[in-house]
């Protein structure tokens, strides 16, 4: 376990810690059963929005799960594009 820092030197433990540009404020990922919780002192982290970070992490997780499942089903990636709204468009091919 690593230490996540916050306001006035307060700390908590997490399995993974990411330093931010906001000195003394970290973001941590704490394992809770089969999931992870995000832990941070969000009042001190000014350049990262919690909801946006969670949405981006969820999208990347879903992306990797979908890619792995499609590959297991015999699909190969032909093209991948990301739209301005961050929607990911995949073109796949399946050889039979």
PDB file of N, CA and C in Angstrom:
ATOM      1  N   UNK A   1       0.828  -1.201   0.000  1.00  0.00           N
ATOM      2  CA  UNK A   1       0.000   0.000   0.000  1.00  0.00           C
ATOM      3  C   UNK A   1       0.864   1.254   0.000  1.00  0.00           C
ATOM      4  N   UNK A   2       0.377   2.275  -0.668  1.00  0.00           N
ATOM      5  CA  UNK A   2       1.063   3.555  -0.734  1.00  0.00           C
ATOM      6  C   UNK A   2       0.217   4.616  -0.045  1.00  0.00           C
ATOM      7  N   UNK A   3       0.801   5.782   0.153  1.00  0.00           N
ATOM      8  CA  UNK A   3       0.142   6.855   0.894  1.00  0.00           C
ATOM      9  C   UNK A   3      -0.386   7.920  -0.061  1.00  0.00           C
ATOM     10  N   UNK A   4      -1.658   8.279   0.121  1.00  0.00           N
ATOM     11  CA  UNK A   4      -2.306   9.354  -0.625  1.00  0.00           C
ATOM     12  C   UNK A   4      -2.334  10.571   0.286  1.00  0.00           C
ATOM     13  N   UNK A   5      -1.794  11.693  -0.194  1.00  0.00           N
ATOM     14  CA  UNK A   5      -1.722  12.917   0.614  1.00  0.00           C
ATOM     15  C   UNK A   5      -2.845  13.874   0.262  1.00  0.00           C
ATOM     16  N   UNK A   6      -3.242  14.671   1.269  1.00  0.00           N
ATOM     17  CA  UNK A   6      -4.284  15.661   1.071  1.00  0.00           C
ATOM     18  C   UNK A   6      -4.041  16.884   1.930  1.00  0.00           C
ATOM     19  N   UNK A   7      -5.097  17.630   2.198  1.00  0.00           N
ATOM     20  CA  UNK A   7      -5.031  18.888   2.921  1.00  0.00           C
ATOM     21  C   UNK A   7      -4.362  18.731   4.279  1.00  0.00           C
ATOM     22  N   UNK A   8      -3.503  19.663   4.588  1.00  0.00           N
ATOM     23  CA  UNK A   8      -2.858  19.766   5.892  1.00  0.00           C
ATOM     24  C   UNK A   8      -2.103  18.498   6.290  1.00  0.00           C
ATOM     25  N   UNK A   9      -1.585  17.804   5.278  1.00  0.00           N
ATOM     26  CA  UNK A   9      -0.789  16.608   5.546  1.00  0.00           C
ATOM     27  C   UNK A   9      -1.589  15.363   5.864  1.00  0.00           C
ATOM     28  N   UNK A  10      -2.912  15.439   5.748  1.00  0.00           N
ATOM     29  CA  UNK A  10      -3.739  14.246   5.977  1.00  0.00           C
ATOM     30  C   UNK A  10      -3.393  13.182   4.949  1.00  0.00           C
ATOM     31  N   UNK A  11      -3.400  11.928   5.382  1.00  0.00           N
ATOM     32  CA  UNK A  11      -3.055  10.832   4.478  1.00  0.00           C
ATOM     33  C   UNK A  11      -4.027   9.670   4.645  1.00  0.00           C
ATOM     34  N   UNK A  12      -4.074   8.848   3.616  1.00  0.00           N
ATOM     35  CA  UNK A  12      -4.807   7.588   3.644  1.00  0.00           C
ATOM     36  C   UNK A  12      -4.049   6.615   2.756  1.00  0.00           C
ATOM     37  N   UNK A  13      -4.356   5.361   2.856  1.00  0.00           N
ATOM     38  CA  UNK A  13      -3.636   4.348   2.088  1.00  0.00           C
ATOM     39  C   UNK A  13      -4.444   3.919   0.865  1.00  0.00           C
ATOM     40  N   UNK A  14      -3.701   3.523  -0.177  1.00  0.00           N
ATOM     41  CA  UNK A  14      -4.312   3.008  -1.402  1.00  0.00           C
ATOM     42  C   UNK A  14      -3.308   2.093  -2.096  1.00  0.00           C
ATOM     43  N   UNK A  15      -3.818   1.226  -2.955  1.00  0.00           N
ATOM     44  CA  UNK A  15      -2.947   0.300  -3.683  1.00  0.00           C
ATOM     45  C   UNK A  15      -2.123   1.008  -4.756  1.00  0.00           C
ATOM     46  N   UNK A  16      -2.697   2.040  -5.354  1.00  0.00           N
ATOM     47  CA  UNK A  16      -2.009   2.788  -6.409  1.00  0.00           C
ATOM     48  C   UNK A  16      -2.187   4.271  -6.133  1.00  0.00           C
ATOM     49  N   UNK A  17      -1.103   5.028  -6.229  1.00  0.00           N
ATOM     50  CA  UNK A  17      -1.157   6.471  -5.982  1.00  0.00           C
ATOM     51  C   UNK A  17      -0.612   7.205  -7.198  1.00  0.00           C
ATOM     52  N   UNK A  18      -1.351   8.233  -7.620  1.00  0.00           N
ATOM     53  CA  UNK A  18      -0.941   9.071  -8.741  1.00  0.00           C
ATOM     54  C   UNK A  18      -0.713  10.478  -8.211  1.00  0.00           C
ATOM     55  N   UNK A  19       0.476  10.998  -8.445  1.00  0.00           N
ATOM     56  CA  UNK A  19       0.773  12.381  -8.054  1.00  0.00           C
ATOM     57  C   UNK A  19       0.074  13.328  -9.017  1.00  0.00           C
ATOM     58  N   UNK A  20      -0.327  14.482  -8.515  1.00  0.00           N
ATOM     59  CA  UNK A  20      -0.943  15.496  -9.368  1.00  0.00           C
ATOM     60  C   UNK A  20      -0.032  16.719  -9.420  1.00  0.00           C
ATOM     61  N   UNK A  21      -0.413  17.683 -10.243  1.00  0.00           N
ATOM     62  CA  UNK A  21       0.348  18.940 -10.328  1.00  0.00           C
ATOM     63  C   UNK A  21       0.122  19.812  -9.097  1.00  0.00           C
ATOM     64  N   UNK A  22      -0.871  19.454  -8.310  1.00  0.00           N
ATOM     65  CA  UNK A  22      -1.209  20.209  -7.107  1.00  0.00           C
ATOM     66  C   UNK A  22      -0.395  19.657  -5.948  1.00  0.00           C
ATOM     67  N   UNK A  23       0.666  20.340  -5.622  1.00  0.00           N
ATOM     68  CA  UNK A  23       1.619  19.865  -4.614  1.00  0.00           C
ATOM     69  C   UNK A  23       0.920  19.466  -3.309  1.00  0.00           C
ATOM     70  N   UNK A  24       1.217  18.250  -2.858  1.00  0.00           N
ATOM     71  CA  UNK A  24       0.652  17.760  -1.613  1.00  0.00           C
ATOM     72  C   UNK A  24      -0.700  17.077  -1.753  1.00  0.00           C
ATOM     73  N   UNK A  25      -1.197  16.961  -2.974  1.00  0.00           N
ATOM     74  CA  UNK A  25      -2.497  16.331  -3.219  1.00  0.00           C
ATOM     75  C   UNK A  25      -2.337  15.212  -4.241  1.00  0.00           C
ATOM     76  N   UNK A  26      -2.697  13.998  -3.838  1.00  0.00           N
ATOM     77  CA  UNK A  26      -2.584  12.827  -4.704  1.00  0.00           C
ATOM     78  C   UNK A  26      -3.968  12.250  -4.972  1.00  0.00           C
ATOM     79  N   UNK A  27      -4.014  11.351  -5.955  1.00  0.00           N
ATOM     80  CA  UNK A  27      -5.211  10.562  -6.231  1.00  0.00           C
ATOM     81  C   UNK A  27      -4.834   9.108  -6.009  1.00  0.00           C
ATOM     82  N   UNK A  28      -5.660   8.401  -5.271  1.00  0.00           N
ATOM     83  CA  UNK A  28      -5.373   7.002  -4.983  1.00  0.00           C
ATOM     84  C   UNK A  28      -6.474   6.081  -5.471  1.00  0.00           C
ATOM     85  N   UNK A  29      -6.088   4.844  -5.735  1.00  0.00           N
ATOM     86  CA  UNK A  29      -7.023   3.792  -6.109  1.00  0.00           C
ATOM     87  C   UNK A  29      -6.948   2.727  -5.024  1.00  0.00           C
ATOM     88  N   UNK A  30      -8.045   2.551  -4.302  1.00  0.00           N
ATOM     89  CA  UNK A  30      -8.097   1.604  -3.190  1.00  0.00           C
ATOM     90  C   UNK A  30      -8.969   0.412  -3.588  1.00  0.00           C
ATOM     91  N   UNK A  31      -8.407  -0.782  -3.469  1.00  0.00           N
ATOM     92  CA  UNK A  31      -9.143  -1.997  -3.813  1.00  0.00           C
ATOM     93  C   UNK A  31     -10.166  -2.306  -2.731  1.00  0.00           C
ATOM     94  N   UNK A  32     -11.401  -2.523  -3.179  1.00  0.00           N
ATOM     95  CA  UNK A  32     -12.501  -2.866  -2.275  1.00  0.00           C
ATOM     96  C   UNK A  32     -13.259  -4.035  -2.891  1.00  0.00           C
ATOM     97  N   UNK A  33     -12.868  -5.236  -2.519  1.00  0.00           N
ATOM     98  CA  UNK A  33     -13.479  -6.431  -3.107  1.00  0.00           C
ATOM     99  C   UNK A  33     -13.028  -6.590  -4.546  1.00  0.00           C
ATOM    100  N   UNK A  34     -13.999  -6.630  -5.461  1.00  0.00           N
ATOM    101  CA  UNK A  34     -13.697  -6.781  -6.887  1.00  0.00           C
ATOM    102  C   UNK A  34     -13.606  -5.447  -7.613  1.00  0.00           C
ATOM    103  N   UNK A  35     -13.701  -4.347  -6.890  1.00  0.00           N
ATOM    104  CA  UNK A  35     -13.679  -3.029  -7.521  1.00  0.00           C
ATOM    105  C   UNK A  35     -12.612  -2.149  -6.877  1.00  0.00           C
ATOM    106  N   UNK A  36     -12.447  -0.971  -7.451  1.00  0.00           N
ATOM    107  CA  UNK A  36     -11.541   0.028  -6.894  1.00  0.00           C
ATOM    108  C   UNK A  36     -12.326   1.294  -6.604  1.00  0.00           C
ATOM    109  N   UNK A  37     -11.961   1.959  -5.530  1.00  0.00           N
ATOM    110  CA  UNK A  37     -12.525   3.265  -5.202  1.00  0.00           C
ATOM    111  C   UNK A  37     -11.462   4.320  -5.439  1.00  0.00           C
ATOM    112  N   UNK A  38     -11.903   5.472  -5.880  1.00  0.00           N
ATOM    113  CA  UNK A  38     -11.025   6.610  -6.083  1.00  0.00           C
ATOM    114  C   UNK A  38     -11.003   7.398  -4.783  1.00  0.00           C
ATOM    115  N   UNK A  39      -9.813   7.667  -4.242  1.00  0.00           N
ATOM    116  CA  UNK A  39      -9.697   8.443  -3.010  1.00  0.00           C
ATOM    117  C   UNK A  39      -8.800   9.646  -3.255  1.00  0.00           C
ATOM    118  N   UNK A  40      -9.267  10.807  -2.832  1.00  0.00           N
ATOM    119  CA  UNK A  40      -8.501  12.042  -3.015  1.00  0.00           C
ATOM    120  C   UNK A  40      -9.161  13.155  -2.218  1.00  0.00           C
ATOM    121  N   UNK A  41      -8.403  14.186  -1.951  1.00  0.00           N
ATOM    122  CA  UNK A  41      -8.934  15.410  -1.368  1.00  0.00           C
ATOM    123  C   UNK A  41      -9.236  16.332  -2.552  1.00  0.00           C
ATOM    124  N   UNK A  42     -10.438  16.202  -3.114  1.00  0.00           N
ATOM    125  CA  UNK A  42     -10.777  16.874  -4.371  1.00  0.00           C
ATOM    126  C   UNK A  42     -10.799  18.392  -4.256  1.00  0.00           C
ATOM    127  N   UNK A  43     -10.914  18.939  -3.061  1.00  0.00           N
ATOM    128  CA  UNK A  43     -10.904  20.391  -2.920  1.00  0.00           C
ATOM    129  C   UNK A  43      -9.535  20.974  -3.253  1.00  0.00           C
ATOM    130  N   UNK A  44      -8.485  20.186  -3.101  1.00  0.00           N
ATOM    131  CA  UNK A  44      -7.139  20.670  -3.381  1.00  0.00           C
ATOM    132  C   UNK A  44      -6.633  20.338  -4.767  1.00  0.00           C
ATOM    133  N   UNK A  45      -7.395  19.553  -5.498  1.00  0.00           N
ATOM    134  CA  UNK A  45      -6.988  19.169  -6.855  1.00  0.00           C
ATOM    135  C   UNK A  45      -7.799  20.013  -7.821  1.00  0.00           C
ATOM    136  N   UNK A  46      -7.161  21.023  -8.373  1.00  0.00           N
ATOM    137  CA  UNK A  46      -7.892  22.004  -9.171  1.00  0.00           C
ATOM    138  C   UNK A  46      -7.927  21.700 -10.665  1.00  0.00           C
ATOM    139  N   UNK A  47      -6.964  20.953 -11.181  1.00  0.00           N
ATOM    140  CA  UNK A  47      -6.882  20.752 -12.628  1.00  0.00           C
ATOM    141  C   UNK A  47      -7.507  19.442 -13.102  1.00  0.00           C
ATOM    142  N   UNK A  48      -8.083  18.663 -12.188  1.00  0.00           N
ATOM    143  CA  UNK A  48      -8.722  17.400 -12.549  1.00  0.00           C
ATOM    144  C   UNK A  48     -10.112  17.383 -11.924  1.00  0.00           C
ATOM    145  N   UNK A  49     -11.117  17.176 -12.755  1.00  0.00           N
ATOM    146  CA  UNK A  49     -12.491  17.080 -12.262  1.00  0.00           C
ATOM    147  C   UNK A  49     -12.819  15.614 -11.983  1.00  0.00           C
ATOM    148  N   UNK A  50     -13.285  15.335 -10.792  1.00  0.00           N
ATOM    149  CA  UNK A  50     -13.553  13.957 -10.362  1.00  0.00           C
ATOM    150  C   UNK A  50     -14.481  13.223 -11.332  1.00  0.00           C
ATOM    151  N   UNK A  51     -15.619  13.814 -11.662  1.00  0.00           N
ATOM    152  CA  UNK A  51     -16.591  13.146 -12.532  1.00  0.00           C
ATOM    153  C   UNK A  51     -16.022  12.878 -13.918  1.00  0.00           C
ATOM    154  N   UNK A  52     -15.250  13.826 -14.443  1.00  0.00           N
ATOM    155  CA  UNK A  52     -14.637  13.649 -15.760  1.00  0.00           C
ATOM    156  C   UNK A  52     -13.598  12.528 -15.726  1.00  0.00           C
ATOM    157  N   UNK A  53     -12.809  12.479 -14.668  1.00  0.00           N
ATOM    158  CA  UNK A  53     -11.808  11.421 -14.531  1.00  0.00           C
ATOM    159  C   UNK A  53     -12.478  10.054 -14.451  1.00  0.00           C
ATOM    160  N   UNK A  54     -13.537   9.943 -13.663  1.00  0.00           N
ATOM    161  CA  UNK A  54     -14.255   8.673 -13.547  1.00  0.00           C
ATOM    162  C   UNK A  54     -14.841   8.264 -14.898  1.00  0.00           C
ATOM    163  N   UNK A  55     -15.402   9.215 -15.632  1.00  0.00           N
ATOM    164  CA  UNK A  55     -15.964   8.913 -16.955  1.00  0.00           C
ATOM    165  C   UNK A  55     -14.878   8.427 -17.909  1.00  0.00           C
ATOM    166  N   UNK A  56     -13.719   9.082 -17.901  1.00  0.00           N
ATOM    167  CA  UNK A  56     -12.621   8.672 -18.782  1.00  0.00           C
ATOM    168  C   UNK A  56     -12.094   7.293 -18.409  1.00  0.00           C
ATOM    169  N   UNK A  57     -11.932   7.038 -17.121  1.00  0.00           N
ATOM    170  CA  UNK A  57     -11.461   5.723 -16.677  1.00  0.00           C
ATOM    171  C   UNK A  57     -12.467   4.632 -17.038  1.00  0.00           C
ATOM    172  N   UNK A  58     -13.744   4.916 -16.855  1.00  0.00           N
ATOM    173  CA  UNK A  58     -14.786   3.941 -17.195  1.00  0.00           C
ATOM    174  C   UNK A  58     -14.787   3.642 -18.686  1.00  0.00           C
ATOM    175  N   UNK A  59     -14.625   4.688 -19.499  1.00  0.00           N
ATOM    176  CA  UNK A  59     -14.596   4.490 -20.948  1.00  0.00           C
ATOM    177  C   UNK A  59     -13.397   3.643 -21.360  1.00  0.00           C
ATOM    178  N   UNK A  60     -12.229   3.926 -20.812  1.00  0.00           N
ATOM    179  CA  UNK A  60     -11.027   3.160 -21.179  1.00  0.00           C
ATOM    180  C   UNK A  60     -11.140   1.713 -20.715  1.00  0.00           C
ATOM    181  N   UNK A  61     -11.714   1.503 -19.554  1.00  0.00           N
ATOM    182  CA  UNK A  61     -11.914   0.140 -19.066  1.00  0.00           C
ATOM    183  C   UNK A  61     -12.856  -0.614 -20.011  1.00  0.00           C
ATOM    184  N   UNK A  62     -13.981   0.006 -20.344  1.00  0.00           N
ATOM    185  CA  UNK A  62     -14.943  -0.626 -21.255  1.00  0.00           C
ATOM    186  C   UNK A  62     -14.299  -0.899 -22.611  1.00  0.00           C
ATOM    187  N   UNK A  63     -13.499   0.031 -23.094  1.00  0.00           N
ATOM    188  CA  UNK A  63     -12.803  -0.131 -24.375  1.00  0.00           C
ATOM    189  C   UNK A  63     -11.946  -1.392 -24.358  1.00  0.00           C
ATOM    190  N   UNK A  64     -11.155  -1.565 -23.318  1.00  0.00           N
ATOM    191  CA  UNK A  64     -10.261  -2.724 -23.248  1.00  0.00           C
ATOM    192  C   UNK A  64     -11.032  -4.030 -23.068  1.00  0.00           C
ATOM    193  N   UNK A  65     -12.120  -4.004 -22.320  1.00  0.00           N
ATOM    194  CA  UNK A  65     -12.951  -5.203 -22.166  1.00  0.00           C
ATOM    195  C   UNK A  65     -13.562  -5.590 -23.509  1.00  0.00           C
ATOM    196  N   UNK A  66     -14.112  -4.613 -24.218  1.00  0.00           N
ATOM    197  CA  UNK A  66     -14.727  -4.878 -25.521  1.00  0.00           C
ATOM    198  C   UNK A  66     -13.693  -5.397 -26.514  1.00  0.00           C
ATOM    199  N   UNK A  67     -12.536  -4.756 -26.571  1.00  0.00           N
ATOM    200  CA  UNK A  67     -11.482  -5.216 -27.497  1.00  0.00           C
ATOM    201  C   UNK A  67     -11.074  -6.653 -27.208  1.00  0.00           C
ATOM    202  N   UNK A  68     -10.905  -6.995 -25.942  1.00  0.00           N
ATOM    203  CA  UNK A  68     -10.503  -8.362 -25.574  1.00  0.00           C
ATOM    204  C   UNK A  68     -11.586  -9.369 -25.958  1.00  0.00           C
ATOM    205  N   UNK A  69     -12.845  -9.050 -25.686  1.00  0.00           N
ATOM    206  CA  UNK A  69     -13.951  -9.959 -26.022  1.00  0.00           C
ATOM    207  C   UNK A  69     -14.074 -10.143 -27.530  1.00  0.00           C
ATOM    208  N   UNK A  70     -13.936  -9.057 -28.278  1.00  0.00           N
ATOM    209  CA  UNK A  70     -14.030  -9.156 -29.733  1.00  0.00           C
ATOM    210  C   UNK A  70     -12.882  -9.981 -30.307  1.00  0.00           C
ATOM    211  N   UNK A  71     -11.697  -9.789 -29.776  1.00  0.00           N
ATOM    212  CA  UNK A  71     -10.547 -10.566 -30.233  1.00  0.00           C
ATOM    213  C   UNK A  71     -10.761 -12.051 -29.934  1.00  0.00           C
ATOM    214  N   UNK A  72     -11.292 -12.360 -28.760  1.00  0.00           N
ATOM    215  CA  UNK A  72     -11.594 -13.752 -28.409  1.00  0.00           C
ATOM    216  C   UNK A  72     -12.631 -14.356 -29.349  1.00  0.00           C
ATOM    217  N   UNK A  73     -13.506 -13.514 -29.902  1.00  0.00           N
ATOM    218  CA  UNK A  73     -14.555 -13.978 -30.809  1.00  0.00           C
ATOM    219  C   UNK A  73     -14.106 -13.995 -32.261  1.00  0.00           C
ATOM    220  N   UNK A  74     -12.837 -13.718 -32.506  1.00  0.00           N
ATOM    221  CA  UNK A  74     -12.297 -13.804 -33.857  1.00  0.00           C
ATOM    222  C   UNK A  74     -12.332 -12.527 -34.670  1.00  0.00           C
ATOM    223  N   UNK A  75     -12.625 -11.404 -34.049  1.00  0.00           N
ATOM    224  CA  UNK A  75     -12.642 -10.132 -34.767  1.00  0.00           C
ATOM    225  C   UNK A  75     -11.262  -9.486 -34.706  1.00  0.00           C
ATOM    226  N   UNK A  76     -10.915  -8.781 -35.775  1.00  0.00           N
ATOM    227  CA  UNK A  76      -9.678  -7.995 -35.763  1.00  0.00           C
ATOM    228  C   UNK A  76     -10.028  -6.537 -36.056  1.00  0.00           C
ATOM    229  N   UNK A  77      -9.273  -5.645 -35.468  1.00  0.00           N
ATOM    230  CA  UNK A  77      -9.510  -4.214 -35.619  1.00  0.00           C
ATOM    231  C   UNK A  77      -8.986  -3.744 -36.969  1.00  0.00           C
ATOM    232  N   UNK A  78      -9.848  -3.098 -37.739  1.00  0.00           N
ATOM    233  CA  UNK A  78      -9.475  -2.550 -39.036  1.00  0.00           C
ATOM    234  C   UNK A  78      -9.183  -1.063 -38.909  1.00  0.00           C
ATOM    235  N   UNK A  79     -10.025  -0.378 -38.155  1.00  0.00           N
ATOM    236  CA  UNK A  79      -9.876   1.072 -38.013  1.00  0.00           C
ATOM    237  C   UNK A  79     -10.464   1.516 -36.681  1.00  0.00           C
ATOM    238  N   UNK A  80      -9.851   2.534 -36.120  1.00  0.00           N
ATOM    239  CA  UNK A  80     -10.335   3.112 -34.868  1.00  0.00           C
ATOM    240  C   UNK A  80     -10.234   4.625 -34.975  1.00  0.00           C
ATOM    241  N   UNK A  81     -11.321   5.302 -34.656  1.00  0.00           N
ATOM    242  CA  UNK A  81     -11.312   6.763 -34.646  1.00  0.00           C
ATOM    243  C   UNK A  81     -11.970   7.253 -33.363  1.00  0.00           C
ATOM    244  N   UNK A  82     -11.515   8.406 -32.911  1.00  0.00           N
ATOM    245  CA  UNK A  82     -12.126   9.035 -31.742  1.00  0.00           C
ATOM    246  C   UNK A  82     -12.716  10.364 -32.182  1.00  0.00           C
ATOM    247  N   UNK A  83     -14.001  10.544 -31.893  1.00  0.00           N
ATOM    248  CA  UNK A  83     -14.710  11.758 -32.275  1.00  0.00           C
ATOM    249  C   UNK A  83     -14.379  12.889 -31.298  1.00  0.00           C
ATOM    250  N   UNK A  84     -14.782  14.103 -31.648  1.00  0.00           N
ATOM    251  CA  UNK A  84     -14.526  15.247 -30.774  1.00  0.00           C
ATOM    252  C   UNK A  84     -15.199  15.096 -29.416  1.00  0.00           C
ATOM    253  N   UNK A  85     -16.337  14.395 -29.388  1.00  0.00           N
ATOM    254  CA  UNK A  85     -17.033  14.185 -28.112  1.00  0.00           C
ATOM    255  C   UNK A  85     -16.471  12.984 -27.347  1.00  0.00           C
ATOM    256  N   UNK A  86     -15.341  12.450 -27.817  1.00  0.00           N
ATOM    257  CA  UNK A  86     -14.610  11.320 -27.227  1.00  0.00           C
ATOM    258  C   UNK A  86     -15.278   9.968 -27.458  1.00  0.00           C
ATOM    259  N   UNK A  87     -16.293   9.931 -28.316  1.00  0.00           N
ATOM    260  CA  UNK A  87     -16.872   8.656 -28.719  1.00  0.00           C
ATOM    261  C   UNK A  87     -15.835   7.907 -29.542  1.00  0.00           C
ATOM    262  N   UNK A  88     -15.665   6.627 -29.257  1.00  0.00           N
ATOM    263  CA  UNK A  88     -14.704   5.806 -29.992  1.00  0.00           C
ATOM    264  C   UNK A  88     -15.476   4.944 -30.979  1.00  0.00           C
ATOM    265  N   UNK A  89     -15.065   4.993 -32.236  1.00  0.00           N
ATOM    266  CA  UNK A  89     -15.708   4.229 -33.303  1.00  0.00           C
ATOM    267  C   UNK A  89     -14.727   3.163 -33.774  1.00  0.00           C
ATOM    268  N   UNK A  90     -15.136   1.900 -33.692  1.00  0.00           N
ATOM    269  CA  UNK A  90     -14.290   0.787 -34.109  1.00  0.00           C
ATOM    270  C   UNK A  90     -14.879   0.141 -35.355  1.00  0.00           C
ATOM    271  N   UNK A  91     -14.015  -0.144 -36.324  1.00  0.00           N
ATOM    272  CA  UNK A  91     -14.393  -0.933 -37.492  1.00  0.00           C
ATOM    273  C   UNK A  91     -13.648  -2.250 -37.361  1.00  0.00           C
ATOM    274  N   UNK A  92     -14.416  -3.342 -37.400  1.00  0.00           N
ATOM    275  CA  UNK A  92     -13.842  -4.658 -37.152  1.00  0.00           C
ATOM    276  C   UNK A  92     -14.055  -5.577 -38.346  1.00  0.00           C
ATOM    277  N   UNK A  93     -13.246  -6.598 -38.410  1.00  0.00           N
ATOM    278  CA  UNK A  93     -13.378  -7.606 -39.454  1.00  0.00           C
ATOM    279  C   UNK A  93     -13.298  -8.968 -38.775  1.00  0.00           C
ATOM    280  N   UNK A  94     -14.119  -9.875 -39.285  1.00  0.00           N
ATOM    281  CA  UNK A  94     -14.082 -11.241 -38.759  1.00  0.00           C
ATOM    282  C   UNK A  94     -13.836 -12.186 -39.920  1.00  0.00           C
ATOM    283  N   UNK A  95     -12.761 -12.921 -39.821  1.00  0.00           N
ATOM    284  CA  UNK A  95     -12.430 -13.895 -40.854  1.00  0.00           C
ATOM    285  C   UNK A  95     -13.154 -15.197 -40.534  1.00  0.00           C
ATOM    286  N   UNK A  96     -13.849 -15.733 -41.522  1.00  0.00           N
ATOM    287  CA  UNK A  96     -14.563 -16.999 -41.296  1.00  0.00           C
ATOM    288  C   UNK A  96     -13.975 -18.121 -42.107  1.00  0.00           C
TER     289      UNK A  96
END
